[in-house]
């Protein structure tokens, strides 16, 4: 009986930890790695396809809605 209680409490705490970590991951995914530079403009660093077929890492900025 005692082992059953301990295993249930461990399982419940592991479930809560998973939920908390998923919630924080969703918040990061929404914002991504973009950073605000003001006036609704967000910039992120991403790989951009060049004319010669290679990728170059550049800063790309977009105005938000």
PDB file of N, CA and C in Angstrom:
ATOM      1  N   UNK A   1       0.824  -1.189   0.000  1.00  0.00           N
ATOM      2  CA  UNK A   1       0.000   0.000   0.000  1.00  0.00           C
ATOM      3  C   UNK A   1       0.869   1.253   0.000  1.00  0.00           C
ATOM      4  N   UNK A   2       1.931   1.230   0.813  1.00  0.00           N
ATOM      5  CA  UNK A   2       2.805   2.391   0.892  1.00  0.00           C
ATOM      6  C   UNK A   2       3.534   2.625  -0.433  1.00  0.00           C
ATOM      7  N   UNK A   3       3.991   1.535  -1.075  1.00  0.00           N
ATOM      8  CA  UNK A   3       4.665   1.658  -2.371  1.00  0.00           C
ATOM      9  C   UNK A   3       3.721   2.204  -3.428  1.00  0.00           C
ATOM     10  N   UNK A   4       2.473   1.805  -3.366  1.00  0.00           N
ATOM     11  CA  UNK A   4       1.483   2.290  -4.320  1.00  0.00           C
ATOM     12  C   UNK A   4       1.267   3.798  -4.154  1.00  0.00           C
ATOM     13  N   UNK A   5       1.212   4.250  -2.923  1.00  0.00           N
ATOM     14  CA  UNK A   5       1.028   5.672  -2.647  1.00  0.00           C
ATOM     15  C   UNK A   5       2.228   6.486  -3.117  1.00  0.00           C
ATOM     16  N   UNK A   6       3.416   5.967  -2.879  1.00  0.00           N
ATOM     17  CA  UNK A   6       4.636   6.661  -3.303  1.00  0.00           C
ATOM     18  C   UNK A   6       4.715   6.720  -4.827  1.00  0.00           C
ATOM     19  N   UNK A   7       4.408   5.622  -5.484  1.00  0.00           N
ATOM     20  CA  UNK A   7       4.483   5.615  -6.946  1.00  0.00           C
ATOM     21  C   UNK A   7       3.437   6.534  -7.556  1.00  0.00           C
ATOM     22  N   UNK A   8       2.249   6.610  -6.967  1.00  0.00           N
ATOM     23  CA  UNK A   8       1.222   7.528  -7.479  1.00  0.00           C
ATOM     24  C   UNK A   8       1.623   8.976  -7.287  1.00  0.00           C
ATOM     25  N   UNK A   9       2.228   9.289  -6.148  1.00  0.00           N
ATOM     26  CA  UNK A   9       2.652  10.674  -5.923  1.00  0.00           C
ATOM     27  C   UNK A   9       3.809  11.047  -6.858  1.00  0.00           C
ATOM     28  N   UNK A  10       4.724  10.112  -7.111  1.00  0.00           N
ATOM     29  CA  UNK A  10       5.798  10.382  -8.066  1.00  0.00           C
ATOM     30  C   UNK A  10       5.259  10.582  -9.476  1.00  0.00           C
ATOM     31  N   UNK A  11       4.299   9.780  -9.849  1.00  0.00           N
ATOM     32  CA  UNK A  11       3.695   9.908 -11.169  1.00  0.00           C
ATOM     33  C   UNK A  11       2.964  11.240 -11.310  1.00  0.00           C
ATOM     34  N   UNK A  12       2.241  11.642 -10.263  1.00  0.00           N
ATOM     35  CA  UNK A  12       1.525  12.921 -10.299  1.00  0.00           C
ATOM     36  C   UNK A  12       2.493  14.092 -10.379  1.00  0.00           C
ATOM     37  N   UNK A  13       3.578  14.043  -9.615  1.00  0.00           N
ATOM     38  CA  UNK A  13       4.542  15.140  -9.657  1.00  0.00           C
ATOM     39  C   UNK A  13       5.258  15.192 -11.007  1.00  0.00           C
ATOM     40  N   UNK A  14       5.545  14.046 -11.601  1.00  0.00           N
ATOM     41  CA  UNK A  14       6.160  14.033 -12.929  1.00  0.00           C
ATOM     42  C   UNK A  14       5.219  14.622 -13.971  1.00  0.00           C
ATOM     43  N   UNK A  15       3.935  14.345 -13.839  1.00  0.00           N
ATOM     44  CA  UNK A  15       2.936  14.898 -14.758  1.00  0.00           C
ATOM     45  C   UNK A  15       2.877  16.421 -14.642  1.00  0.00           C
ATOM     46  N   UNK A  16       2.913  16.933 -13.411  1.00  0.00           N
ATOM     47  CA  UNK A  16       2.881  18.387 -13.197  1.00  0.00           C
ATOM     48  C   UNK A  16       4.134  19.040 -13.776  1.00  0.00           C
ATOM     49  N   UNK A  17       5.283  18.415 -13.599  1.00  0.00           N
ATOM     50  CA  UNK A  17       6.528  18.955 -14.149  1.00  0.00           C
ATOM     51  C   UNK A  17       6.458  19.006 -15.672  1.00  0.00           C
ATOM     52  N   UNK A  18       5.900  17.970 -16.286  1.00  0.00           N
ATOM     53  CA  UNK A  18       5.753  17.953 -17.749  1.00  0.00           C
ATOM     54  C   UNK A  18       4.834  19.073 -18.219  1.00  0.00           C
ATOM     55  N   UNK A  19       3.736  19.289 -17.530  1.00  0.00           N
ATOM     56  CA  UNK A  19       2.805  20.356 -17.913  1.00  0.00           C
ATOM     57  C   UNK A  19       3.459  21.729 -17.812  1.00  0.00           C
ATOM     58  N   UNK A  20       4.201  21.960 -16.744  1.00  0.00           N
ATOM     59  CA  UNK A  20       4.865  23.247 -16.560  1.00  0.00           C
ATOM     60  C   UNK A  20       5.918  23.474 -17.633  1.00  0.00           C
ATOM     61  N   UNK A  21       6.688  22.449 -17.955  1.00  0.00           N
ATOM     62  CA  UNK A  21       7.719  22.615 -18.973  1.00  0.00           C
ATOM     63  C   UNK A  21       7.112  22.824 -20.354  1.00  0.00           C
ATOM     64  N   UNK A  22       5.987  22.178 -20.638  1.00  0.00           N
ATOM     65  CA  UNK A  22       5.325  22.378 -21.929  1.00  0.00           C
ATOM     66  C   UNK A  22       4.765  23.786 -22.034  1.00  0.00           C
ATOM     67  N   UNK A  23       4.248  24.329 -20.956  1.00  0.00           N
ATOM     68  CA  UNK A  23       3.693  25.682 -20.977  1.00  0.00           C
ATOM     69  C   UNK A  23       4.787  26.706 -21.251  1.00  0.00           C
ATOM     70  N   UNK A  24       5.938  26.550 -20.644  1.00  0.00           N
ATOM     71  CA  UNK A  24       7.018  27.501 -20.883  1.00  0.00           C
ATOM     72  C   UNK A  24       7.569  27.353 -22.298  1.00  0.00           C
ATOM     73  N   UNK A  25       7.593  26.138 -22.825  1.00  0.00           N
ATOM     74  CA  UNK A  25       8.043  25.921 -24.197  1.00  0.00           C
ATOM     75  C   UNK A  25       7.097  26.573 -25.194  1.00  0.00           C
ATOM     76  N   UNK A  26       5.792  26.502 -24.935  1.00  0.00           N
ATOM     77  CA  UNK A  26       4.811  27.119 -25.828  1.00  0.00           C
ATOM     78  C   UNK A  26       4.980  28.633 -25.844  1.00  0.00           C
ATOM     79  N   UNK A  27       5.295  29.225 -24.704  1.00  0.00           N
ATOM     80  CA  UNK A  27       5.496  30.669 -24.661  1.00  0.00           C
ATOM     81  C   UNK A  27       6.724  31.071 -25.458  1.00  0.00           C
ATOM     82  N   UNK A  28       7.776  30.293 -25.398  1.00  0.00           N
ATOM     83  CA  UNK A  28       8.982  30.581 -26.171  1.00  0.00           C
ATOM     84  C   UNK A  28       8.716  30.386 -27.654  1.00  0.00           C
ATOM     85  N   UNK A  29       7.959  29.354 -28.004  1.00  0.00           N
ATOM     86  CA  UNK A  29       7.672  29.080 -29.409  1.00  0.00           C
ATOM     87  C   UNK A  29       6.842  30.201 -30.031  1.00  0.00           C
ATOM     88  N   UNK A  30       5.961  30.787 -29.264  1.00  0.00           N
ATOM     89  CA  UNK A  30       5.144  31.868 -29.782  1.00  0.00           C
ATOM     90  C   UNK A  30       6.009  33.062 -30.158  1.00  0.00           C
ATOM     91  N   UNK A  31       6.924  33.417 -29.286  1.00  0.00           N
ATOM     92  CA  UNK A  31       7.784  34.562 -29.533  1.00  0.00           C
ATOM     93  C   UNK A  31       8.974  34.180 -30.408  1.00  0.00           C
ATOM     94  N   UNK A  32       9.404  32.947 -30.331  1.00  0.00           N
ATOM     95  CA  UNK A  32      10.556  32.517 -31.109  1.00  0.00           C
ATOM     96  C   UNK A  32      11.812  33.171 -30.585  1.00  0.00           C
ATOM     97  N   UNK A  33      12.773  33.355 -31.447  1.00  0.00           N
ATOM     98  CA  UNK A  33      14.009  34.008 -31.021  1.00  0.00           C
ATOM     99  C   UNK A  33      14.018  35.461 -31.481  1.00  0.00           C
ATOM    100  N   UNK A  34      12.838  36.010 -31.785  1.00  0.00           N
ATOM    101  CA  UNK A  34      12.749  37.392 -32.242  1.00  0.00           C
ATOM    102  C   UNK A  34      12.962  38.340 -31.070  1.00  0.00           C
ATOM    103  N   UNK A  35      13.550  39.480 -31.379  1.00  0.00           N
ATOM    104  CA  UNK A  35      13.696  40.499 -30.348  1.00  0.00           C
ATOM    105  C   UNK A  35      13.134  41.804 -30.892  1.00  0.00           C
ATOM    106  N   UNK A  36      12.505  42.537 -30.027  1.00  0.00           N
ATOM    107  CA  UNK A  36      11.873  43.782 -30.424  1.00  0.00           C
ATOM    108  C   UNK A  36      12.902  44.896 -30.434  1.00  0.00           C
ATOM    109  N   UNK A  37      12.886  45.702 -31.502  1.00  0.00           N
ATOM    110  CA  UNK A  37      13.795  46.844 -31.570  1.00  0.00           C
ATOM    111  C   UNK A  37      13.027  48.157 -31.495  1.00  0.00           C
ATOM    112  N   UNK A  38      11.705  48.063 -31.276  1.00  0.00           N
ATOM    113  CA  UNK A  38      10.887  49.262 -31.108  1.00  0.00           C
ATOM    114  C   UNK A  38       9.975  49.512 -32.292  1.00  0.00           C
ATOM    115  N   UNK A  39       8.921  50.264 -32.047  1.00  0.00           N
ATOM    116  CA  UNK A  39       7.919  50.632 -33.053  1.00  0.00           C
ATOM    117  C   UNK A  39       7.299  49.419 -33.737  1.00  0.00           C
ATOM    118  N   UNK A  40       7.175  48.310 -33.023  1.00  0.00           N
ATOM    119  CA  UNK A  40       6.546  47.110 -33.570  1.00  0.00           C
ATOM    120  C   UNK A  40       7.424  46.300 -34.506  1.00  0.00           C
ATOM    121  N   UNK A  41       8.709  46.613 -34.572  1.00  0.00           N
ATOM    122  CA  UNK A  41       9.628  45.891 -35.451  1.00  0.00           C
ATOM    123  C   UNK A  41      10.314  44.799 -34.644  1.00  0.00           C
ATOM    124  N   UNK A  42      10.249  43.565 -35.160  1.00  0.00           N
ATOM    125  CA  UNK A  42      10.905  42.427 -34.523  1.00  0.00           C
ATOM    126  C   UNK A  42      11.974  41.896 -35.469  1.00  0.00           C
ATOM    127  N   UNK A  43      13.139  41.588 -34.912  1.00  0.00           N
ATOM    128  CA  UNK A  43      14.251  41.066 -35.705  1.00  0.00           C
ATOM    129  C   UNK A  43      14.646  39.695 -35.185  1.00  0.00           C
ATOM    130  N   UNK A  44      15.033  38.832 -36.101  1.00  0.00           N
ATOM    131  CA  UNK A  44      15.528  37.508 -35.749  1.00  0.00           C
ATOM    132  C   UNK A  44      16.674  37.155 -36.673  1.00  0.00           C
ATOM    133  N   UNK A  45      17.519  36.263 -36.205  1.00  0.00           N
ATOM    134  CA  UNK A  45      18.629  35.768 -37.022  1.00  0.00           C
ATOM    135  C   UNK A  45      18.187  34.456 -37.644  1.00  0.00           C
ATOM    136  N   UNK A  46      18.275  34.350 -38.973  1.00  0.00           N
ATOM    137  CA  UNK A  46      17.858  33.125 -39.650  1.00  0.00           C
ATOM    138  C   UNK A  46      18.701  32.895 -40.887  1.00  0.00           C
ATOM    139  N   UNK A  47      18.658  31.673 -41.378  1.00  0.00           N
ATOM    140  CA  UNK A  47      19.384  31.321 -42.593  1.00  0.00           C
ATOM    141  C   UNK A  47      18.581  31.787 -43.808  1.00  0.00           C
ATOM    142  N   UNK A  48      19.246  32.490 -44.707  1.00  0.00           N
ATOM    143  CA  UNK A  48      18.588  33.040 -45.904  1.00  0.00           C
ATOM    144  C   UNK A  48      19.258  32.418 -47.131  1.00  0.00           C
ATOM    145  N   UNK A  49      18.429  31.903 -48.044  1.00  0.00           N
ATOM    146  CA  UNK A  49      18.938  31.289 -49.269  1.00  0.00           C
ATOM    147  C   UNK A  49      19.499  32.360 -50.193  1.00  0.00           C
ATOM    148  N   UNK A  50      20.732  32.164 -50.633  1.00  0.00           N
ATOM    149  CA  UNK A  50      21.392  33.104 -51.535  1.00  0.00           C
ATOM    150  C   UNK A  50      21.182  32.670 -52.988  1.00  0.00           C
ATOM    151  N   UNK A  51      21.509  33.540 -53.931  1.00  0.00           N
ATOM    152  CA  UNK A  51      21.311  33.265 -55.350  1.00  0.00           C
ATOM    153  C   UNK A  51      22.168  32.089 -55.839  1.00  0.00           C
ATOM    154  N   UNK A  52      23.322  31.862 -55.204  1.00  0.00           N
ATOM    155  CA  UNK A  52      24.186  30.768 -55.643  1.00  0.00           C
ATOM    156  C   UNK A  52      23.813  29.425 -55.000  1.00  0.00           C
ATOM    157  N   UNK A  53      22.717  29.375 -54.262  1.00  0.00           N
ATOM    158  CA  UNK A  53      22.243  28.126 -53.676  1.00  0.00           C
ATOM    159  C   UNK A  53      22.746  27.841 -52.270  1.00  0.00           C
ATOM    160  N   UNK A  54      23.562  28.722 -51.723  1.00  0.00           N
ATOM    161  CA  UNK A  54      24.056  28.532 -50.364  1.00  0.00           C
ATOM    162  C   UNK A  54      23.170  29.298 -49.386  1.00  0.00           C
ATOM    163  N   UNK A  55      23.326  28.987 -48.122  1.00  0.00           N
ATOM    164  CA  UNK A  55      22.582  29.697 -47.085  1.00  0.00           C
ATOM    165  C   UNK A  55      23.536  30.584 -46.305  1.00  0.00           C
ATOM    166  N   UNK A  56      23.066  31.788 -45.982  1.00  0.00           N
ATOM    167  CA  UNK A  56      23.849  32.725 -45.197  1.00  0.00           C
ATOM    168  C   UNK A  56      23.000  33.151 -44.004  1.00  0.00           C
ATOM    169  N   UNK A  57      23.594  33.204 -42.829  1.00  0.00           N
ATOM    170  CA  UNK A  57      22.875  33.623 -41.637  1.00  0.00           C
ATOM    171  C   UNK A  57      22.826  35.145 -41.612  1.00  0.00           C
ATOM    172  N   UNK A  58      21.597  35.681 -41.590  1.00  0.00           N
ATOM    173  CA  UNK A  58      21.408  37.126 -41.621  1.00  0.00           C
ATOM    174  C   UNK A  58      20.349  37.532 -40.608  1.00  0.00           C
ATOM    175  N   UNK A  59      20.325  38.823 -40.276  1.00  0.00           N
ATOM    176  CA  UNK A  59      19.286  39.360 -39.425  1.00  0.00           C
ATOM    177  C   UNK A  59      18.138  39.815 -40.312  1.00  0.00           C
ATOM    178  N   UNK A  60      16.943  39.288 -40.033  1.00  0.00           N
ATOM    179  CA  UNK A  60      15.751  39.617 -40.809  1.00  0.00           C
ATOM    180  C   UNK A  60      14.784  40.339 -39.884  1.00  0.00           C
ATOM    181  N   UNK A  61      14.321  41.513 -40.312  1.00  0.00           N
ATOM    182  CA  UNK A  61      13.412  42.324 -39.489  1.00  0.00           C
ATOM    183  C   UNK A  61      12.066  42.467 -40.196  1.00  0.00           C
ATOM    184  N   UNK A  62      10.998  42.430 -39.378  1.00  0.00           N
ATOM    185  CA  UNK A  62       9.639  42.581 -39.911  1.00  0.00           C
ATOM    186  C   UNK A  62       8.834  43.458 -38.981  1.00  0.00           C
ATOM    187  N   UNK A  63       7.936  44.214 -39.558  1.00  0.00           N
ATOM    188  CA  UNK A  63       7.027  45.058 -38.764  1.00  0.00           C
ATOM    189  C   UNK A  63       5.841  44.206 -38.365  1.00  0.00           C
ATOM    190  N   UNK A  64       5.489  44.210 -37.071  1.00  0.00           N
ATOM    191  CA  UNK A  64       4.348  43.453 -36.583  1.00  0.00           C
ATOM    192  C   UNK A  64       3.035  44.096 -36.958  1.00  0.00           C
ATOM    193  N   UNK A  65       1.977  43.353 -36.724  1.00  0.00           N
ATOM    194  CA  UNK A  65       0.635  43.855 -37.058  1.00  0.00           C
ATOM    195  C   UNK A  65       0.091  44.668 -35.936  1.00  0.00           C
TER     196      UNK A  65
END
